[in-house]
Amino acid sequence: MKANQINVQYLGFEVNTRVRQYRFAVRQEAGMREFTLSISNEAFSARRISFQDAPDFCSAKIHRELAAFGNNPPQSQYKVSGEELEEYQRTHAPRQTVRFHRHPVAKNLALEHVER
């Protein structure tokens, strides 16, 4: 492994009565370490995050923690806060689509082509 190279691997999740726990292994030159991130079941039922987006969200959080602490965060277990989920919603909100309208010019060009 190259110096300072890390590998974050998703190991899966476990559903408990109050939370879903997402497990990750972080492999680096110093060895391997496991991280667990918990998201409340209420966050999923309130649609603050989807089941499909949760692993990516957790992976991004681990990467931020690794970067903030020189690849050696003091914690290995995290509880995802409501504020973090709100920020995630703001940054991942669906964009409004712009509807395009046909211009009469394009319609007339098509008619000219048919008439020839």
PDB file of N, CA and C in Angstrom:
ATOM      1  N   MET A   1       0.840  -1.179   0.000  1.00  0.00           N
ATOM      2  CA  MET A   1       0.000   0.000   0.000  1.00  0.00           C
ATOM      3  C   MET A   1       0.883   1.240   0.000  1.00  0.00           C
ATOM      4  N   LYS A   2       0.588   2.218  -0.833  1.00  0.00           N
ATOM      5  CA  LYS A   2       1.360   3.456  -0.880  1.00  0.00           C
ATOM      6  C   LYS A   2       1.159   4.249   0.401  1.00  0.00           C
ATOM      7  N   ALA A   3       2.124   5.077   0.727  1.00  0.00           N
ATOM      8  CA  ALA A   3       2.033   5.912   1.923  1.00  0.00           C
ATOM      9  C   ALA A   3       0.795   6.794   1.862  1.00  0.00           C
ATOM     10  N   ASN A   4       0.123   6.904   2.991  1.00  0.00           N
ATOM     11  CA  ASN A   4      -1.076   7.743   3.140  1.00  0.00           C
ATOM     12  C   ASN A   4      -2.267   7.272   2.314  1.00  0.00           C
ATOM     13  N   GLN A   5      -2.185   6.122   1.696  1.00  0.00           N
ATOM     14  CA  GLN A   5      -3.312   5.610   0.928  1.00  0.00           C
ATOM     15  C   GLN A   5      -4.248   4.866   1.865  1.00  0.00           C
ATOM     16  N   ILE A   6      -5.538   5.179   1.746  1.00  0.00           N
ATOM     17  CA  ILE A   6      -6.526   4.489   2.570  1.00  0.00           C
ATOM     18  C   ILE A   6      -7.578   3.871   1.674  1.00  0.00           C
ATOM     19  N   ASN A   7      -8.190   2.832   2.184  1.00  0.00           N
ATOM     20  CA  ASN A   7      -9.244   2.140   1.458  1.00  0.00           C
ATOM     21  C   ASN A   7     -10.431   1.999   2.413  1.00  0.00           C
ATOM     22  N   VAL A   8     -11.555   2.616   2.052  1.00  0.00           N
ATOM     23  CA  VAL A   8     -12.772   2.525   2.862  1.00  0.00           C
ATOM     24  C   VAL A   8     -13.693   1.515   2.198  1.00  0.00           C
ATOM     25  N   GLN A   9     -14.051   0.477   2.925  1.00  0.00           N
ATOM     26  CA  GLN A   9     -14.881  -0.601   2.370  1.00  0.00           C
ATOM     27  C   GLN A   9     -16.167  -0.726   3.186  1.00  0.00           C
ATOM     28  N   TYR A  10     -17.289  -0.723   2.478  1.00  0.00           N
ATOM     29  CA  TYR A  10     -18.602  -0.909   3.100  1.00  0.00           C
ATOM     30  C   TYR A  10     -18.781  -2.379   3.432  1.00  0.00           C
ATOM     31  N   LEU A  11     -19.111  -2.667   4.693  1.00  0.00           N
ATOM     32  CA  LEU A  11     -19.274  -4.056   5.135  1.00  0.00           C
ATOM     33  C   LEU A  11     -20.728  -4.490   5.254  1.00  0.00           C
ATOM     34  N   GLY A  12     -21.649  -3.529   5.294  1.00  0.00           N
ATOM     35  CA  GLY A  12     -23.058  -3.877   5.408  1.00  0.00           C
ATOM     36  C   GLY A  12     -23.725  -3.118   6.540  1.00  0.00           C
ATOM     37  N   PHE A  13     -24.977  -3.489   6.796  1.00  0.00           N
ATOM     38  CA  PHE A  13     -25.728  -2.808   7.849  1.00  0.00           C
ATOM     39  C   PHE A  13     -26.481  -3.820   8.683  1.00  0.00           C
ATOM     40  N   GLU A  14     -26.909  -3.336   9.839  1.00  0.00           N
ATOM     41  CA  GLU A  14     -27.711  -4.146  10.750  1.00  0.00           C
ATOM     42  C   GLU A  14     -28.872  -3.273  11.221  1.00  0.00           C
ATOM     43  N   VAL A  15     -30.063  -3.849  11.247  1.00  0.00           N
ATOM     44  CA  VAL A  15     -31.241  -3.118  11.696  1.00  0.00           C
ATOM     45  C   VAL A  15     -31.538  -3.486  13.136  1.00  0.00           C
ATOM     46  N   ASN A  16     -31.615  -2.471  13.980  1.00  0.00           N
ATOM     47  CA  ASN A  16     -32.001  -2.655  15.380  1.00  0.00           C
ATOM     48  C   ASN A  16     -33.354  -1.981  15.603  1.00  0.00           C
ATOM     49  N   THR A  17     -33.848  -2.014  16.815  1.00  0.00           N
ATOM     50  CA  THR A  17     -35.171  -1.442  17.078  1.00  0.00           C
ATOM     51  C   THR A  17     -35.213   0.069  16.869  1.00  0.00           C
ATOM     52  N   ARG A  18     -34.117   0.765  17.119  1.00  0.00           N
ATOM     53  CA  ARG A  18     -34.118   2.227  17.009  1.00  0.00           C
ATOM     54  C   ARG A  18     -33.237   2.780  15.902  1.00  0.00           C
ATOM     55  N   VAL A  19     -32.251   2.018  15.446  1.00  0.00           N
ATOM     56  CA  VAL A  19     -31.288   2.541  14.474  1.00  0.00           C
ATOM     57  C   VAL A  19     -30.914   1.484  13.441  1.00  0.00           C
ATOM     58  N   ARG A  20     -30.348   1.987  12.361  1.00  0.00           N
ATOM     59  CA  ARG A  20     -29.647   1.139  11.396  1.00  0.00           C
ATOM     60  C   ARG A  20     -28.179   1.451  11.589  1.00  0.00           C
ATOM     61  N   GLN A  21     -27.381   0.424  11.721  1.00  0.00           N
ATOM     62  CA  GLN A  21     -25.954   0.609  11.909  1.00  0.00           C
ATOM     63  C   GLN A  21     -25.222   0.187  10.641  1.00  0.00           C
ATOM     64  N   TYR A  22     -24.443   1.118  10.106  1.00  0.00           N
ATOM     65  CA  TYR A  22     -23.671   0.885   8.884  1.00  0.00           C
ATOM     66  C   TYR A  22     -22.216   0.672   9.274  1.00  0.00           C
ATOM     67  N   ARG A  23     -21.637  -0.445   8.797  1.00  0.00           N
ATOM     68  CA  ARG A  23     -20.268  -0.806   9.164  1.00  0.00           C
ATOM     69  C   ARG A  23     -19.324  -0.618   7.982  1.00  0.00           C
ATOM     70  N   PHE A  24     -18.150  -0.100   8.300  1.00  0.00           N
ATOM     71  CA  PHE A  24     -17.110   0.129   7.297  1.00  0.00           C
ATOM     72  C   PHE A  24     -15.767  -0.316   7.850  1.00  0.00           C
ATOM     73  N   ALA A  25     -14.904  -0.805   6.968  1.00  0.00           N
ATOM     74  CA  ALA A  25     -13.518  -1.122   7.317  1.00  0.00           C
ATOM     75  C   ALA A  25     -12.644  -0.091   6.618  1.00  0.00           C
ATOM     76  N   VAL A  26     -11.712   0.465   7.360  1.00  0.00           N
ATOM     77  CA  VAL A  26     -10.753   1.402   6.797  1.00  0.00           C
ATOM     78  C   VAL A  26      -9.390   0.740   6.876  1.00  0.00           C
ATOM     79  N   ARG A  27      -8.816   0.494   5.714  1.00  0.00           N
ATOM     80  CA  ARG A  27      -7.494  -0.139   5.635  1.00  0.00           C
ATOM     81  C   ARG A  27      -6.486   0.919   5.205  1.00  0.00           C
ATOM     82  N   GLN A  28      -5.403   0.975   5.949  1.00  0.00           N
ATOM     83  CA  GLN A  28      -4.318   1.886   5.616  1.00  0.00           C
ATOM     84  C   GLN A  28      -3.010   1.250   6.049  1.00  0.00           C
ATOM     85  N   GLU A  29      -1.933   1.926   5.816  1.00  0.00           N
ATOM     86  CA  GLU A  29      -0.623   1.368   6.120  1.00  0.00           C
ATOM     87  C   GLU A  29      -0.501   0.951   7.585  1.00  0.00           C
ATOM     88  N   ALA A  30      -1.121   1.710   8.482  1.00  0.00           N
ATOM     89  CA  ALA A  30      -1.039   1.414   9.915  1.00  0.00           C
ATOM     90  C   ALA A  30      -1.885   0.203  10.322  1.00  0.00           C
ATOM     91  N   GLY A  31      -2.719  -0.299   9.438  1.00  0.00           N
ATOM     92  CA  GLY A  31      -3.556  -1.452   9.753  1.00  0.00           C
ATOM     93  C   GLY A  31      -5.016  -1.214   9.395  1.00  0.00           C
ATOM     94  N   MET A  32      -5.880  -2.063   9.937  1.00  0.00           N
ATOM     95  CA  MET A  32      -7.299  -1.959   9.644  1.00  0.00           C
ATOM     96  C   MET A  32      -8.057  -1.512  10.890  1.00  0.00           C
ATOM     97  N   ARG A  33      -9.114  -0.737  10.636  1.00  0.00           N
ATOM     98  CA  ARG A  33      -9.958  -0.265  11.726  1.00  0.00           C
ATOM     99  C   ARG A  33     -11.404  -0.282  11.245  1.00  0.00           C
ATOM    100  N   GLU A  34     -12.327  -0.681  12.113  1.00  0.00           N
ATOM    101  CA  GLU A  34     -13.744  -0.691  11.750  1.00  0.00           C
ATOM    102  C   GLU A  34     -14.443   0.535  12.326  1.00  0.00           C
ATOM    103  N   PHE A  35     -15.402   1.039  11.550  1.00  0.00           N
ATOM    104  CA  PHE A  35     -16.216   2.179  11.961  1.00  0.00           C
ATOM    105  C   PHE A  35     -17.681   1.787  11.853  1.00  0.00           C
ATOM    106  N   THR A  36     -18.476   2.278  12.774  1.00  0.00           N
ATOM    107  CA  THR A  36     -19.916   2.047  12.769  1.00  0.00           C
ATOM    108  C   THR A  36     -20.611   3.392  12.840  1.00  0.00           C
ATOM    109  N   LEU A  37     -21.562   3.606  11.944  1.00  0.00           N
ATOM    110  CA  LEU A  37     -22.361   4.831  11.937  1.00  0.00           C
ATOM    111  C   LEU A  37     -23.817   4.447  12.106  1.00  0.00           C
ATOM    112  N   SER A  38     -24.498   5.132  13.021  1.00  0.00           N
ATOM    113  CA  SER A  38     -25.896   4.829  13.326  1.00  0.00           C
ATOM    114  C   SER A  38     -26.798   5.940  12.833  1.00  0.00           C
ATOM    115  N   ILE A  39     -27.857   5.537  12.144  1.00  0.00           N
ATOM    116  CA  ILE A  39     -28.888   6.468  11.688  1.00  0.00           C
ATOM    117  C   ILE A  39     -30.208   5.980  12.272  1.00  0.00           C
ATOM    118  N   SER A  40     -30.953   6.885  12.899  1.00  0.00           N
ATOM    119  CA  SER A  40     -32.211   6.486  13.536  1.00  0.00           C
ATOM    120  C   SER A  40     -33.204   5.991  12.490  1.00  0.00           C
ATOM    121  N   ASN A  41     -33.988   4.994  12.869  1.00  0.00           N
ATOM    122  CA  ASN A  41     -35.031   4.486  11.969  1.00  0.00           C
ATOM    123  C   ASN A  41     -36.037   5.584  11.630  1.00  0.00           C
ATOM    124  N   GLU A  42     -36.242   6.512  12.561  1.00  0.00           N
ATOM    125  CA  GLU A  42     -37.167   7.624  12.341  1.00  0.00           C
ATOM    126  C   GLU A  42     -36.705   8.498  11.174  1.00  0.00           C
ATOM    127  N   ALA A  43     -35.405   8.643  10.988  1.00  0.00           N
ATOM    128  CA  ALA A  43     -34.887   9.448   9.877  1.00  0.00           C
ATOM    129  C   ALA A  43     -35.304   8.854   8.529  1.00  0.00           C
ATOM    130  N   PHE A  44     -35.377   7.538   8.469  1.00  0.00           N
ATOM    131  CA  PHE A  44     -35.799   6.881   7.226  1.00  0.00           C
ATOM    132  C   PHE A  44     -37.311   7.025   7.034  1.00  0.00           C
ATOM    133  N   SER A  45     -38.071   6.813   8.103  1.00  0.00           N
ATOM    134  CA  SER A  45     -39.532   6.903   7.973  1.00  0.00           C
ATOM    135  C   SER A  45     -39.978   8.344   7.710  1.00  0.00           C
ATOM    136  N   ALA A  46     -39.193   9.325   8.186  1.00  0.00           N
ATOM    137  CA  ALA A  46     -39.510  10.736   7.925  1.00  0.00           C
ATOM    138  C   ALA A  46     -38.945  11.203   6.581  1.00  0.00           C
ATOM    139  N   ARG A  47     -38.305  10.298   5.855  1.00  0.00           N
ATOM    140  CA  ARG A  47     -37.740  10.568   4.532  1.00  0.00           C
ATOM    141  C   ARG A  47     -36.658  11.650   4.535  1.00  0.00           C
ATOM    142  N   ARG A  48     -35.895  11.698   5.616  1.00  0.00           N
ATOM    143  CA  ARG A  48     -34.752  12.616   5.646  1.00  0.00           C
ATOM    144  C   ARG A  48     -33.556  12.031   4.908  1.00  0.00           C
ATOM    145  N   ILE A  49     -33.577  10.702   4.759  1.00  0.00           N
ATOM    146  CA  ILE A  49     -32.571  10.005   3.972  1.00  0.00           C
ATOM    147  C   ILE A  49     -33.205   8.709   3.490  1.00  0.00           C
ATOM    148  N   SER A  50     -32.785   8.246   2.332  1.00  0.00           N
ATOM    149  CA  SER A  50     -33.330   6.988   1.812  1.00  0.00           C
ATOM    150  C   SER A  50     -32.398   5.830   2.168  1.00  0.00           C
ATOM    151  N   PHE A  51     -32.948   4.636   2.150  1.00  0.00           N
ATOM    152  CA  PHE A  51     -32.141   3.452   2.413  1.00  0.00           C
ATOM    153  C   PHE A  51     -30.995   3.355   1.405  1.00  0.00           C
ATOM    154  N   GLN A  52     -31.269   3.744   0.145  1.00  0.00           N
ATOM    155  CA  GLN A  52     -30.258   3.652  -0.907  1.00  0.00           C
ATOM    156  C   GLN A  52     -29.136   4.660  -0.717  1.00  0.00           C
ATOM    157  N   ASP A  53     -29.434   5.832  -0.162  1.00  0.00           N
ATOM    158  CA  ASP A  53     -28.424   6.878  -0.005  1.00  0.00           C
ATOM    159  C   ASP A  53     -27.594   6.748   1.270  1.00  0.00           C
ATOM    160  N   ALA A  54     -28.070   6.007   2.245  1.00  0.00           N
ATOM    161  CA  ALA A  54     -27.406   5.938   3.545  1.00  0.00           C
ATOM    162  C   ALA A  54     -25.959   5.445   3.482  1.00  0.00           C
ATOM    163  N   PRO A  55     -25.630   4.369   2.743  1.00  0.00           N
ATOM    164  CA  PRO A  55     -24.222   3.947   2.711  1.00  0.00           C
ATOM    165  C   PRO A  55     -23.294   5.019   2.133  1.00  0.00           C
ATOM    166  N   ASP A  56     -23.736   5.704   1.088  1.00  0.00           N
ATOM    167  CA  ASP A  56     -22.917   6.765   0.491  1.00  0.00           C
ATOM    168  C   ASP A  56     -22.748   7.926   1.467  1.00  0.00           C
ATOM    169  N   PHE A  57     -23.829   8.295   2.158  1.00  0.00           N
ATOM    170  CA  PHE A  57     -23.776   9.347   3.164  1.00  0.00           C
ATOM    171  C   PHE A  57     -22.764   8.989   4.249  1.00  0.00           C
ATOM    172  N   CYS A  58     -22.842   7.762   4.749  1.00  0.00           N
ATOM    173  CA  CYS A  58     -21.940   7.313   5.814  1.00  0.00           C
ATOM    174  C   CYS A  58     -20.483   7.263   5.329  1.00  0.00           C
ATOM    175  N   SER A  59     -20.277   6.800   4.121  1.00  0.00           N
ATOM    176  CA  SER A  59     -18.925   6.765   3.563  1.00  0.00           C
ATOM    177  C   SER A  59     -18.332   8.172   3.487  1.00  0.00           C
ATOM    178  N   ALA A  60     -19.135   9.130   3.038  1.00  0.00           N
ATOM    179  CA  ALA A  60     -18.666  10.516   2.952  1.00  0.00           C
ATOM    180  C   ALA A  60     -18.322  11.052   4.338  1.00  0.00           C
ATOM    181  N   LYS A  61     -19.127  10.703   5.336  1.00  0.00           N
ATOM    182  CA  LYS A  61     -18.848  11.148   6.707  1.00  0.00           C
ATOM    183  C   LYS A  61     -17.535  10.550   7.205  1.00  0.00           C
ATOM    184  N   ILE A  62     -17.292   9.289   6.933  1.00  0.00           N
ATOM    185  CA  ILE A  62     -16.028   8.671   7.341  1.00  0.00           C
ATOM    186  C   ILE A  62     -14.849   9.372   6.671  1.00  0.00           C
ATOM    187  N   HIS A  63     -14.973   9.652   5.388  1.00  0.00           N
ATOM    188  CA  HIS A  63     -13.894  10.351   4.674  1.00  0.00           C
ATOM    189  C   HIS A  63     -13.630  11.732   5.285  1.00  0.00           C
ATOM    190  N   ARG A  64     -14.692  12.442   5.671  1.00  0.00           N
ATOM    191  CA  ARG A  64     -14.509  13.757   6.311  1.00  0.00           C
ATOM    192  C   ARG A  64     -13.786  13.609   7.646  1.00  0.00           C
ATOM    193  N   GLU A  65     -14.180  12.614   8.429  1.00  0.00           N
ATOM    194  CA  GLU A  65     -13.539  12.383   9.731  1.00  0.00           C
ATOM    195  C   GLU A  65     -12.069  12.006   9.555  1.00  0.00           C
ATOM    196  N   LEU A  66     -11.788  11.155   8.591  1.00  0.00           N
ATOM    197  CA  LEU A  66     -10.404  10.774   8.329  1.00  0.00           C
ATOM    198  C   LEU A  66      -9.577  11.998   7.938  1.00  0.00           C
ATOM    199  N   ALA A  67     -10.116  12.829   7.071  1.00  0.00           N
ATOM    200  CA  ALA A  67      -9.400  14.030   6.629  1.00  0.00           C
ATOM    201  C   ALA A  67      -9.188  15.005   7.785  1.00  0.00           C
ATOM    202  N   ALA A  68     -10.174  15.145   8.656  1.00  0.00           N
ATOM    203  CA  ALA A  68     -10.089  16.098   9.765  1.00  0.00           C
ATOM    204  C   ALA A  68      -9.077  15.663  10.826  1.00  0.00           C
ATOM    205  N   PHE A  69      -8.831  14.370  10.942  1.00  0.00           N
ATOM    206  CA  PHE A  69      -7.956  13.869  12.002  1.00  0.00           C
ATOM    207  C   PHE A  69      -6.735  13.133  11.470  1.00  0.00           C
ATOM    208  N   GLY A  70      -6.240  13.536  10.321  1.00  0.00           N
ATOM    209  CA  GLY A  70      -5.018  12.928   9.786  1.00  0.00           C
ATOM    210  C   GLY A  70      -5.102  11.422   9.669  1.00  0.00           C
ATOM    211  N   ASN A  71      -6.244  10.924   9.196  1.00  0.00           N
ATOM    212  CA  ASN A  71      -6.515   9.496   9.002  1.00  0.00           C
ATOM    213  C   ASN A  71      -6.565   8.692  10.296  1.00  0.00           C
ATOM    214  N   ASN A  72      -6.698   9.376  11.440  1.00  0.00           N
ATOM    215  CA  ASN A  72      -6.762   8.669  12.714  1.00  0.00           C
ATOM    216  C   ASN A  72      -7.805   9.323  13.642  1.00  0.00           C
ATOM    217  N   PRO A  73      -9.095   9.218  13.285  1.00  0.00           N
ATOM    218  CA  PRO A  73     -10.127   9.822  14.137  1.00  0.00           C
ATOM    219  C   PRO A  73     -10.140   9.190  15.528  1.00  0.00           C
ATOM    220  N   PRO A  74     -10.461   9.983  16.555  1.00  0.00           N
ATOM    221  CA  PRO A  74     -10.479   9.451  17.913  1.00  0.00           C
ATOM    222  C   PRO A  74     -11.634   8.475  18.164  1.00  0.00           C
ATOM    223  N   GLN A  75     -12.689   8.579  17.379  1.00  0.00           N
ATOM    224  CA  GLN A  75     -13.852   7.704  17.555  1.00  0.00           C
ATOM    225  C   GLN A  75     -13.924   6.680  16.436  1.00  0.00           C
ATOM    226  N   SER A  76     -14.610   5.584  16.719  1.00  0.00           N
ATOM    227  CA  SER A  76     -14.885   4.608  15.664  1.00  0.00           C
ATOM    228  C   SER A  76     -16.391   4.354  15.545  1.00  0.00           C
ATOM    229  N   GLN A  77     -17.173   4.985  16.431  1.00  0.00           N
ATOM    230  CA  GLN A  77     -18.631   4.869  16.373  1.00  0.00           C
ATOM    231  C   GLN A  77     -19.234   6.266  16.348  1.00  0.00           C
ATOM    232  N   TYR A  78     -20.141   6.477  15.390  1.00  0.00           N
ATOM    233  CA  TYR A  78     -20.760   7.784  15.215  1.00  0.00           C
ATOM    234  C   TYR A  78     -22.270   7.649  15.147  1.00  0.00           C
ATOM    235  N   LYS A  79     -22.945   8.620  15.721  1.00  0.00           N
ATOM    236  CA  LYS A  79     -24.394   8.717  15.600  1.00  0.00           C
ATOM    237  C   LYS A  79     -24.661   9.900  14.678  1.00  0.00           C
ATOM    238  N   VAL A  80     -25.350   9.647  13.571  1.00  0.00           N
ATOM    239  CA  VAL A  80     -25.635  10.702  12.601  1.00  0.00           C
ATOM    240  C   VAL A  80     -26.698  11.622  13.183  1.00  0.00           C
ATOM    241  N   SER A  81     -26.422  12.919  13.174  1.00  0.00           N
ATOM    242  CA  SER A  81     -27.336  13.892  13.777  1.00  0.00           C
ATOM    243  C   SER A  81     -28.391  14.370  12.784  1.00  0.00           C
ATOM    244  N   GLY A  82     -29.447  14.931  13.334  1.00  0.00           N
ATOM    245  CA  GLY A  82     -30.495  15.520  12.505  1.00  0.00           C
ATOM    246  C   GLY A  82     -29.965  16.661  11.668  1.00  0.00           C
ATOM    247  N   GLU A  83     -29.021  17.440  12.217  1.00  0.00           N
ATOM    248  CA  GLU A  83     -28.428  18.560  11.475  1.00  0.00           C
ATOM    249  C   GLU A  83     -27.650  18.056  10.259  1.00  0.00           C
ATOM    250  N   GLU A  84     -26.930  16.952  10.433  1.00  0.00           N
ATOM    251  CA  GLU A  84     -26.188  16.385   9.303  1.00  0.00           C
ATOM    252  C   GLU A  84     -27.137  15.930   8.199  1.00  0.00           C
ATOM    253  N   LEU A  85     -28.264  15.344   8.597  1.00  0.00           N
ATOM    254  CA  LEU A  85     -29.243  14.890   7.609  1.00  0.00           C
ATOM    255  C   LEU A  85     -29.917  16.065   6.913  1.00  0.00           C
ATOM    256  N   GLU A  86     -30.181  17.148   7.653  1.00  0.00           N
ATOM    257  CA  GLU A  86     -30.756  18.350   7.041  1.00  0.00           C
ATOM    258  C   GLU A  86     -29.804  18.939   6.009  1.00  0.00           C
ATOM    259  N   GLU A  87     -28.527  18.992   6.344  1.00  0.00           N
ATOM    260  CA  GLU A  87     -27.524  19.493   5.398  1.00  0.00           C
ATOM    261  C   GLU A  87     -27.472  18.599   4.166  1.00  0.00           C
ATOM    262  N   TYR A  88     -27.543  17.298   4.387  1.00  0.00           N
ATOM    263  CA  TYR A  88     -27.549  16.351   3.273  1.00  0.00           C
ATOM    264  C   TYR A  88     -28.749  16.602   2.363  1.00  0.00           C
ATOM    265  N   GLN A  89     -29.920  16.815   2.963  1.00  0.00           N
ATOM    266  CA  GLN A  89     -31.120  17.090   2.169  1.00  0.00           C
ATOM    267  C   GLN A  89     -30.956  18.356   1.349  1.00  0.00           C
ATOM    268  N   ARG A  90     -30.388  19.390   1.959  1.00  0.00           N
ATOM    269  CA  ARG A  90     -30.196  20.656   1.228  1.00  0.00           C
ATOM    270  C   ARG A  90     -29.271  20.478   0.036  1.00  0.00           C
ATOM    271  N   THR A  91     -28.205  19.731   0.226  1.00  0.00           N
ATOM    272  CA  THR A  91     -27.228  19.575  -0.852  1.00  0.00           C
ATOM    273  C   THR A  91     -27.630  18.530  -1.890  1.00  0.00           C
ATOM    274  N   HIS A  92     -28.606  17.698  -1.563  1.00  0.00           N
ATOM    275  CA  HIS A  92     -29.027  16.654  -2.498  1.00  0.00           C
ATOM    276  C   HIS A  92     -30.489  16.795  -2.937  1.00  0.00           C
ATOM    277  N   ALA A  93     -31.043  17.975  -2.755  1.00  0.00           N
ATOM    278  CA  ALA A  93     -32.437  18.199  -3.161  1.00  0.00           C
ATOM    279  C   ALA A  93     -32.536  18.107  -4.678  1.00  0.00           C
ATOM    280  N   PRO A  94     -33.623  17.541  -5.182  1.00  0.00           N
ATOM    281  CA  PRO A  94     -33.789  17.463  -6.638  1.00  0.00           C
ATOM    282  C   PRO A  94     -33.851  18.865  -7.238  1.00  0.00           C
ATOM    283  N   ARG A  95     -33.202  19.017  -8.337  1.00  0.00           N
ATOM    284  CA  ARG A  95     -33.201  20.306  -9.018  1.00  0.00           C
ATOM    285  C   ARG A  95     -34.480  20.453  -9.825  1.00  0.00           C
ATOM    286  N   GLN A  96     -34.911  21.697  -9.919  1.00  0.00           N
ATOM    287  CA  GLN A  96     -36.098  21.954 -10.722  1.00  0.00           C
ATOM    288  C   GLN A  96     -35.740  21.786 -12.189  1.00  0.00           C
ATOM    289  N   THR A  97     -36.637  21.158 -12.911  1.00  0.00           N
ATOM    290  CA  THR A  97     -36.392  20.973 -14.331  1.00  0.00           C
ATOM    291  C   THR A  97     -36.972  22.146 -15.109  1.00  0.00           C
ATOM    292  N   VAL A  98     -36.276  22.506 -16.140  1.00  0.00           N
ATOM    293  CA  VAL A  98     -36.743  23.576 -17.006  1.00  0.00           C
ATOM    294  C   VAL A  98     -37.417  22.916 -18.194  1.00  0.00           C
ATOM    295  N   ARG A  99     -38.622  23.317 -18.433  1.00  0.00           N
ATOM    296  CA  ARG A  99     -39.350  22.740 -19.562  1.00  0.00           C
ATOM    297  C   ARG A  99     -39.076  23.564 -20.806  1.00  0.00           C
ATOM    298  N   PHE A 100     -38.773  22.866 -21.857  1.00  0.00           N
ATOM    299  CA  PHE A 100     -38.503  23.543 -23.114  1.00  0.00           C
ATOM    300  C   PHE A 100     -39.771  23.565 -23.952  1.00  0.00           C
ATOM    301  N   HIS A 101     -39.980  24.673 -24.621  1.00  0.00           N
ATOM    302  CA  HIS A 101     -41.141  24.813 -25.484  1.00  0.00           C
ATOM    303  C   HIS A 101     -40.666  24.881 -26.928  1.00  0.00           C
ATOM    304  N   ARG A 102     -41.428  24.296 -27.766  1.00  0.00           N
ATOM    305  CA  ARG A 102     -41.089  24.372 -29.192  1.00  0.00           C
ATOM    306  C   ARG A 102     -41.400  25.762 -29.705  1.00  0.00           C
ATOM    307  N   HIS A 103     -40.508  26.216 -30.490  1.00  0.00           N
ATOM    308  CA  HIS A 103     -40.705  27.526 -31.089  1.00  0.00           C
ATOM    309  C   HIS A 103     -41.419  27.359 -32.420  1.00  0.00           C
ATOM    310  N   PRO A 104     -42.282  28.296 -32.764  1.00  0.00           N
ATOM    311  CA  PRO A 104     -42.995  28.204 -34.038  1.00  0.00           C
ATOM    312  C   PRO A 104     -42.064  28.104 -35.230  1.00  0.00           C
ATOM    313  N   VAL A 105     -40.855  28.664 -35.145  1.00  0.00           N
ATOM    314  CA  VAL A 105     -39.906  28.619 -36.252  1.00  0.00           C
ATOM    315  C   VAL A 105     -39.549  27.177 -36.578  1.00  0.00           C
ATOM    316  N   ALA A 106     -39.285  26.394 -35.590  1.00  0.00           N
ATOM    317  CA  ALA A 106     -38.925  24.997 -35.802  1.00  0.00           C
ATOM    318  C   ALA A 106     -40.081  24.238 -36.437  1.00  0.00           C
ATOM    319  N   LYS A 107     -41.298  24.567 -36.045  1.00  0.00           N
ATOM    320  CA  LYS A 107     -42.469  23.918 -36.597  1.00  0.00           C
ATOM    321  C   LYS A 107     -42.615  24.280 -38.076  1.00  0.00           C
ATOM    322  N   ASN A 108     -42.392  25.536 -38.395  1.00  0.00           N
ATOM    323  CA  ASN A 108     -42.498  25.975 -39.787  1.00  0.00           C
ATOM    324  C   ASN A 108     -41.428  25.331 -40.652  1.00  0.00           C
ATOM    325  N   LEU A 109     -40.219  25.161 -40.137  1.00  0.00           N
ATOM    326  CA  LEU A 109     -39.164  24.510 -40.903  1.00  0.00           C
ATOM    327  C   LEU A 109     -39.548  23.075 -41.221  1.00  0.00           C
ATOM    328  N   ALA A 110     -40.157  22.390 -40.299  1.00  0.00           N
ATOM    329  CA  ALA A 110     -40.583  21.013 -40.516  1.00  0.00           C
ATOM    330  C   ALA A 110     -41.656  20.955 -41.591  1.00  0.00           C
ATOM    331  N   LEU A 111     -42.576  21.923 -41.615  1.00  0.00           N
ATOM    332  CA  LEU A 111     -43.617  21.967 -42.625  1.00  0.00           C
ATOM    333  C   LEU A 111     -43.036  22.243 -44.006  1.00  0.00           C
ATOM    334  N   GLU A 112     -42.047  23.157 -44.071  1.00  0.00           N
ATOM    335  CA  GLU A 112     -41.416  23.468 -45.354  1.00  0.00           C
ATOM    336  C   GLU A 112     -40.766  22.212 -45.928  1.00  0.00           C
ATOM    337  N   HIS A 113     -40.140  21.423 -45.097  1.00  0.00           N
ATOM    338  CA  HIS A 113     -39.472  20.217 -45.535  1.00  0.00           C
ATOM    339  C   HIS A 113     -40.472  19.208 -46.086  1.00  0.00           C
ATOM    340  N   VAL A 114     -41.628  19.100 -45.486  1.00  0.00           N
ATOM    341  CA  VAL A 114     -42.664  18.160 -45.926  1.00  0.00           C
ATOM    342  C   VAL A 114     -43.253  18.617 -47.271  1.00  0.00           C
ATOM    343  N   GLU A 115     -43.429  19.940 -47.450  1.00  0.00           N
ATOM    344  CA  GLU A 115     -44.040  20.453 -48.661  1.00  0.00           C
ATOM    345  C   GLU A 115     -43.161  20.264 -49.891  1.00  0.00           C
ATOM    346  N   ARG A 116     -41.875  20.137 -49.730  1.00  0.00           N
ATOM    347  CA  ARG A 116     -40.975  20.029 -50.895  1.00  0.00           C
ATOM    348  C   ARG A 116     -41.026  18.697 -51.512  1.00  0.00           C
TER     349      ARG A 116
END
